[in-house]
C-alpha atoms as a PDB file:
ATOM      1  CA  MET A   1      85.189  75.969 124.906  1.00  0.00           C
ATOM      2  CA  LYS A   2      86.888  78.795 126.772  1.00  0.00           C
ATOM      3  CA  TYR A   3      90.146  78.150 125.080  1.00  0.00           C
ATOM      4  CA  PHE A   4      88.562  77.971 121.620  1.00  0.00           C
ATOM      5  CA  PHE A   5      87.104  81.432 122.151  1.00  0.00           C
ATOM      6  CA  ILE A   6      90.404  82.888 123.266  1.00  0.00           C
ATOM      7  CA  ILE A   7      92.177  81.413 120.236  1.00  0.00           C
ATOM      8  CA  PHE A   8      89.447  82.640 117.938  1.00  0.00           C
ATOM      9  CA  ILE A   9      89.675  86.197 119.262  1.00  0.00           C
ATOM     10  CA  CYS A  10      93.521  86.258 119.013  1.00  0.00           C
ATOM     11  CA  GLY A  11      93.338  84.917 115.422  1.00  0.00           C
ATOM     12  CA  PHE A  12      90.762  87.459 114.449  1.00  0.00           C
ATOM     13  CA  PHE A  13      92.894  90.338 115.634  1.00  0.00           C
ATOM     14  CA  LEU A  14      95.954  89.038 113.940  1.00  0.00           C
ATOM     15  CA  VAL A  15      94.162  88.573 110.590  1.00  0.00           C
ATOM     16  CA  SER A  16      92.258  91.873 110.777  1.00  0.00           C
ATOM     17  CA  CYS A  17      95.329  93.926 111.439  1.00  0.00           C
ATOM     18  CA  SER A  18      96.640  93.679 107.867  1.00  0.00           C
ATOM     19  CA  THR A  19      95.303  94.455 104.459  1.00  0.00           C
ATOM     20  CA  SER A  20      96.692  93.638 101.075  1.00  0.00           C
ATOM     21  CA  SER A  21      96.057  95.212  97.729  1.00  0.00           C
ATOM     22  CA  GLY A  22      96.712  91.853  96.049  1.00  0.00           C
ATOM     23  CA  VAL A  23      99.174  91.445  93.173  1.00  0.00           C
ATOM     24  CA  MET A  24      98.640  94.090  90.409  1.00  0.00           C
ATOM     25  CA  GLU A  25     100.240  93.930  86.942  1.00  0.00           C
ATOM     26  CA  TYR A  26     101.672  97.278  85.770  1.00  0.00           C
ATOM     27  CA  SER A  27     102.992  96.014  82.483  1.00  0.00           C
ATOM     28  CA  PRO A  28     104.012  92.557  81.124  1.00  0.00           C
ATOM     29  CA  ASN A  29     105.883  90.818  83.884  1.00  0.00           C
ATOM     30  CA  ILE A  30     106.131  93.824  86.185  1.00  0.00           C
ATOM     31  CA  TYR A  31     103.944  93.630  89.229  1.00  0.00           C
ATOM     32  CA  SER A  32     103.258  95.476  92.471  1.00  0.00           C
ATOM     33  CA  VAL A  33     101.715  94.515  95.801  1.00  0.00           C
ATOM     34  CA  SER A  34     101.137  96.625  98.846  1.00  0.00           C
ATOM     35  CA  VAL A  35     100.299  95.581 102.494  1.00  0.00           C
ATOM     36  CA  ASP A  36      99.089  97.813 105.310  1.00  0.00           C
ATOM     37  CA  VAL A  37      99.564  96.642 108.923  1.00  0.00           C
ATOM     38  CA  ASP A  38      98.335  98.267 112.123  1.00  0.00           C
ATOM     39  CA  SER A  39     101.305 100.297 113.463  1.00  0.00           C
ATOM     40  CA  GLU A  40     100.128  99.841 117.097  1.00  0.00           C
ATOM     41  CA  PHE A  41     100.832  96.102 117.006  1.00  0.00           C
ATOM     42  CA  TYR A  42     103.257  95.667 114.070  1.00  0.00           C
ATOM     43  CA  GLY A  43     106.141  97.535 112.507  1.00  0.00           C
ATOM     44  CA  VAL A  44     107.614  97.998 109.003  1.00  0.00           C
ATOM     45  CA  GLY A  45     109.351  94.650 109.230  1.00  0.00           C
ATOM     46  CA  THR A  46     106.052  92.831 109.509  1.00  0.00           C
ATOM     47  CA  ALA A  47     104.539  94.810 106.606  1.00  0.00           C
ATOM     48  CA  GLN A  48     107.634  94.109 104.469  1.00  0.00           C
ATOM     49  CA  LYS A  49     107.604  90.397 105.270  1.00  0.00           C
ATOM     50  CA  LYS A  50     103.928  90.004 104.426  1.00  0.00           C
ATOM     51  CA  THR A  51     104.404  91.916 101.173  1.00  0.00           C
ATOM     52  CA  PHE A  52     107.416  89.782 100.202  1.00  0.00           C
ATOM     53  CA  GLU A  53     105.695  86.561 101.099  1.00  0.00           C
ATOM     54  CA  GLU A  54     102.630  87.387  98.915  1.00  0.00           C
ATOM     55  CA  ALA A  55     104.848  88.411  95.890  1.00  0.00           C
ATOM     56  CA  LYS A  56     106.969  85.317  96.293  1.00  0.00           C
ATOM     57  CA  ALA A  57     103.899  83.043  96.465  1.00  0.00           C
ATOM     58  CA  PHE A  58     102.570  84.684  93.281  1.00  0.00           C
ATOM     59  CA  CYS A  59     105.792  84.013  91.382  1.00  0.00           C
ATOM     60  CA  GLU A  60     106.182  80.479  92.699  1.00  0.00           C
ATOM     61  CA  SER A  61     102.587  79.702  91.653  1.00  0.00           C
ATOM     62  CA  ASN A  62     103.684  80.444  88.113  1.00  0.00           C
ATOM     63  CA  GLY A  63     106.837  78.303  88.344  1.00  0.00           C
ATOM     64  CA  ARG A  64     109.195  81.253  88.616  1.00  0.00           C
ATOM     65  CA  VAL A  65     111.148  83.114  91.270  1.00  0.00           C
ATOM     66  CA  ILE A  66     110.842  86.708  92.425  1.00  0.00           C
ATOM     67  CA  SER A  67     113.154  89.527  91.436  1.00  0.00           C
ATOM     68  CA  ILE A  68     112.526  92.683  93.515  1.00  0.00           C
ATOM     69  CA  GLN A  69     112.825  95.997  91.598  1.00  0.00           C
ATOM     70  CA  SER A  70     111.966  98.401  94.363  1.00  0.00           C
ATOM     71  CA  VAL A  71     110.646  98.626  97.977  1.00  0.00           C
ATOM     72  CA  ASP A  72     108.817 101.549  99.586  1.00  0.00           C
ATOM     73  CA  ASN A  73     107.856 101.696 103.288  1.00  0.00           C
ATOM     74  CA  ASN A  74     105.981 104.401 105.164  1.00  0.00           C
ATOM     75  CA  THR A  75     103.744 105.005 108.177  1.00  0.00           C
ATOM     76  CA  ASN A  76     100.734 107.257 107.818  1.00  0.00           C
ATOM     77  CA  SER A  77      98.873 109.392 110.302  1.00  0.00           C
ATOM     78  CA  PHE A  78      95.977 106.879 110.482  1.00  0.00           C
ATOM     79  CA  GLY A  79      98.067 104.352 112.476  1.00  0.00           C
ATOM     80  CA  TYR A  80      99.066 102.106 109.616  1.00  0.00           C
ATOM     81  CA  THR A  81     102.436 101.109 108.311  1.00  0.00           C
ATOM     82  CA  ASN A  82     102.601 100.341 104.578  1.00  0.00           C
ATOM     83  CA  SER A  83     105.078  98.306 102.537  1.00  0.00           C
ATOM     84  CA  SER A  84     104.998  98.290  98.693  1.00  0.00           C
ATOM     85  CA  ILE A  85     107.163  96.389  96.337  1.00  0.00           C
ATOM     86  CA  VAL A  86     107.573  96.346  92.524  1.00  0.00           C
ATOM     87  CA  PHE A  87     108.801  92.976  91.319  1.00  0.00           C
ATOM     88  CA  GLN A  88     109.252  90.629  88.320  1.00  0.00           C
ATOM     89  CA  CYS A  89     108.839  86.884  88.048  1.00  0.00           C
ATOM     90  CA  ILE A  90     111.912  85.412  86.452  1.00  0.00           C
ATOM     91  CA  GLU A  91     113.127  81.952  85.429  1.00  0.00           C
ATOM     92  CA  GLY A  92     115.393  80.486  87.964  1.00  0.00           C
ATOM     93  CA  LYS A  93     116.091  77.835  90.598  1.00  0.00           C
ATOM     94  CA  GLN A  94     113.590  77.500  93.363  1.00  0.00           C
END
């Protein structure tokens, strides 16, 4: 029981340290997704990876592959690092 509690607490902190905007469609086949991570525990690489993984999963769920149009990373004064990407889902090999 003691180990279950420790694993639960660690998992809670890992999940609660990131927030996603979800995939948003700007215009036909042009999407954006943004992820904030806690700068105290994670850096821009983690934010960028989570953003890319969410966008890639979205495209793959529609039988397409991701094509990144732009990437923007920044850290704000509230202790969060943000990564945003604009992407398209295109036909291609998976």
